[in-house]
Amino acid sequence: MGKNETNIVKKSVSISLLVVIGKVLGFIKQAVIAWAFGSNALTDVYFAADGYTSMFGQIMTQTVGPTVLTQYIHVNERNDHEGAKRLVRESYIFFAVLSFVLILINTILADQICSVIGISYSKDQLSELKFFLMAMLPVILFTTMIGVSAGYLDSYNNFLPGRLTSFFFSLSIITVVLLFRNRFGLRSLLYGFMLGYCLHMVLMLWLVVPKVGIGLTNPFHNPDFTSMMKRFVPLVIGFSAVDLGHLVDKIVASSLESGSVSSLYYGQVVSSDIVSSVIVTSVGSVLLTSITKSVASNVSIIEIKARIRNIMCTMTYIVIGITALYFVEGSDLIRFFFQRGNFDSSNTATVSLIAICYSIGFIFTANRDILVKAHYAFQDTKSPMINSIAGVGINVILSVALSKVMGISGIALATSISMAFVFILSTITLKKHIQGFIIERSVVLDFLKSLIVFCITLTYGKVVYSMMQYSNYFLRMTVIGITMCAVHFFSGVAVKEKTAAIILEKGKKTLFKH
């Protein structure tokens, strides 16, 4: 890896460390929820409302932030600093209005929405679902303001504030549930949920508004803003399609046995959410800023292509090791995080299988996100939109079909297969920007090396797991996890995988620099 790729990795690691701490709090949060409320029809209602409103939150943060970021960098690169600040101010105005419109529409259609996302719910469950849904709708505004602020801060490589959602969200839920669950029951989750998002929004506005100022102007009189909106629309459509697919997954899950929606949620949190938040989001955030600045300053396409390939190589090596860990220790991870109180061994078996099915798609999810960010850097949001819509179509069809054969785990497997499909499409559509396929002989060779490392690591883990079958599960998980990481690293060195070789070389220089 060159200097730029090394900087991307270093910044990504610093973000990942912060996110890991947030995820630890997140796991504590999930453990508290599982302990206090378990996995049942009542929690299904809460998670259905959470999933719907969080869908809008995810759409806004994942589209508003990158849109503001890329346009802000391009305006700044032409030394129009006041114009760049004006762009941010107008983004706050427009997206706040858009958020209020979305909240109003969802309020008016609340009954119809509840009848769809709670398709098999009783009258009492639908009533409770409507209460949670209506109370959570302000999250749309909170996440939109966070997204605009993160776009501005990310452009200056200040990535950390925008990744603090887990801190506020998890701490507030843990605190409120522990203090008030006996008084408010499941509604204590709601109060913690809203408090966390609100606190993060206040922090982000406090960091950004004093720097860009306050002013009321018509955004559509600004050509930079209208140019940004032309890319924002397909971006929203693409992410809406993806989140609509997630919503369909929950609807399909709600038609299965009681507790399926909650099991799907727990499985996603302990698997794909970790990879997406800790690794994919961290690398993607830094990579988008880096490539956007390179494109805006006319850096060679050959250099940009090499940077993308090297990051993909590193991502593949890291994620494929995590996949092996899930294949071996999925059940122990679920047992450690959730199996207590109202969450029993049967829940553990179900959720661990869901987590394993999600882990199959880790490598495709990670590399797809890199390619999507590369599209954004070239100000192409249309291609990812088309790819996402096609992927959602595959996901919906497979979710319905596989859930009938495999139950709830079939929904998770369908998601992994659709991610592989979207990854392949993304390699094809990126071709028009980088003059040739990103997947060439060297990339295939790196992938094969990572696959060999995966097989070695997985085989070792399975053998050791069978030998420690009767050991304390926490001790077994710790020993196997540490030794599998070591095997993954040294087998990577043995097959001359690039990332492992670089880590070894830097380690030698650090140890023997004196």
Foldseek 3Di string as FASTA:
>chain_A
DDPLLVVLVVQLQVQLVVLVVLLVLVLLLQQLCCQQPNFFQLVLLLVLLVLVLVLLLCLQQVQLQLLLQLLLLLCVLVVPNLLSLVLLQVQLVVQLVVLVVVLVVCLVCLLVVLCQLLVPDDPVSSVVSSVLNNLSSCLSNLSNLLNSLQNVCLLVVNNRLSLCLSVLLSVLLVVQCVVPCVPPPPCSNSVSRVRSSVVSSVVSCVVRCVPSDHDDDNQVVRPSNVLSVVLSVLSSLLSSLLSVLVSLLSSLQSVDDTRLSVLLVLLCSLAVVSLCSSRQVSSLSSLLSVLLNCVSVVPDLVVNLVSLLVVLLVQLLVLLLVLLLLVQCLLLSCCVSHDHNNHHSVSSVSSSLLNNLLSLQSSLQRSLSSLCSNCVSVVHSNQSSVLSNVLSVQLSVQSNVQCVVPNSSSSSNSNSVSSNSSSVSSQVVCCVVSVDGSDDPVSVVSNVLSVVLSVQLNVVSNVQCVVCVPPDSVVNSVVSVVVSVVSSLVSSVVSVRPVSVVVVVVVVCVVPVD
